Amino acid sequence: MEFAIFGLLLVGIILLILSFRRNRENSVETQLENFTIQLMKEIYQIKKKLKVLEDEMMINDKN
């Protein structure tokens, strides 16, 4: 009887630890996803600014 109680307690503790670990993995995945989106937005903004600068240089070269 004691063996069954300790076994169930051990299984419960293991499941509890795994649930916290899974939450952390989801959190890291979400953070990485948000970082990637932010990085892509910044790259897009830089490309837009570079395009404007190149266009201005082309106009100045024609004059």
Protein backbone atom coordinates (compact mmCIF):
# COMPACT_ATOMS: atom_id res chain seq x y z
CA MET A 1 0.00 0.00 0.00
CA GLU A 2 2.79 2.43 0.88
CA PHE A 3 4.55 1.55 -2.37
CA ALA A 4 1.47 2.58 -4.40
CA ILE A 5 1.16 5.90 -2.56
CA PHE A 6 4.83 6.74 -3.06
CA GLY A 7 4.59 5.68 -6.70
CA LEU A 8 1.62 7.94 -7.34
CA LEU A 9 3.33 10.80 -5.52
CA LEU A 10 6.45 10.34 -7.63
CA VAL A 11 4.43 10.26 -10.88
CA GLY A 12 2.60 13.44 -9.81
CA ILE A 13 5.85 15.28 -9.09
CA ILE A 14 7.36 14.21 -12.41
CA LEU A 15 4.28 15.37 -14.32
CA LEU A 16 4.35 18.70 -12.48
CA ILE A 17 8.01 19.26 -13.39
CA LEU A 18 7.36 18.36 -17.03
CA SER A 19 4.45 20.79 -17.26
CA PHE A 20 6.64 23.68 -16.05
CA ARG A 21 9.39 22.70 -18.46
CA ARG A 22 6.96 22.65 -21.37
CA ASN A 23 5.69 26.13 -20.43
CA ARG A 24 9.25 27.43 -20.46
CA GLU A 25 9.87 25.95 -23.90
CA ASN A 26 6.72 27.63 -25.22
CA SER A 27 7.87 30.91 -23.69
CA VAL A 28 11.28 30.67 -25.34
CA GLU A 29 9.67 29.78 -28.66
CA THR A 30 7.33 32.78 -28.41
CA GLN A 31 10.22 35.10 -27.54
CA LEU A 32 12.26 33.83 -30.48
CA GLU A 33 9.28 34.30 -32.79
CA ASN A 34 8.75 37.88 -31.59
CA PHE A 35 12.46 38.63 -31.96
CA THR A 36 12.45 37.29 -35.51
CA ILE A 37 9.43 39.41 -36.45
CA GLN A 38 11.04 42.51 -34.95
CA LEU A 39 14.28 41.84 -36.80
CA MET A 40 12.43 41.42 -40.11
CA LYS A 41 10.61 44.73 -39.56
CA GLU A 42 13.89 46.53 -38.87
CA ILE A 43 15.50 45.03 -41.98
CA TYR A 44 12.50 46.15 -44.04
CA GLN A 45 12.81 49.70 -42.69
CA ILE A 46 16.54 49.78 -43.48
CA LYS A 47 15.91 48.54 -47.02
CA LYS A 48 13.27 51.24 -47.53
CA LYS A 49 15.66 53.95 -46.33
CA LEU A 50 18.44 52.58 -48.51
CA LYS A 51 16.15 52.62 -51.54
CA VAL A 52 15.27 56.28 -50.88
CA LEU A 53 18.96 57.16 -50.56
CA GLU A 54 19.81 55.34 -53.77
CA ASP A 55 17.00 57.15 -55.59
CA GLU A 56 18.28 60.51 -54.31
CA MET A 57 21.80 59.68 -55.45
CA MET A 58 20.51 58.76 -58.91
CA ILE A 59 18.69 62.09 -59.13
CA ASN A 60 21.83 63.97 -58.05
CA ASP A 61 23.95 62.10 -60.60
CA LYS A 62 21.62 63.13 -63.44
CA ASN A 63 22.03 66.80 -62.58
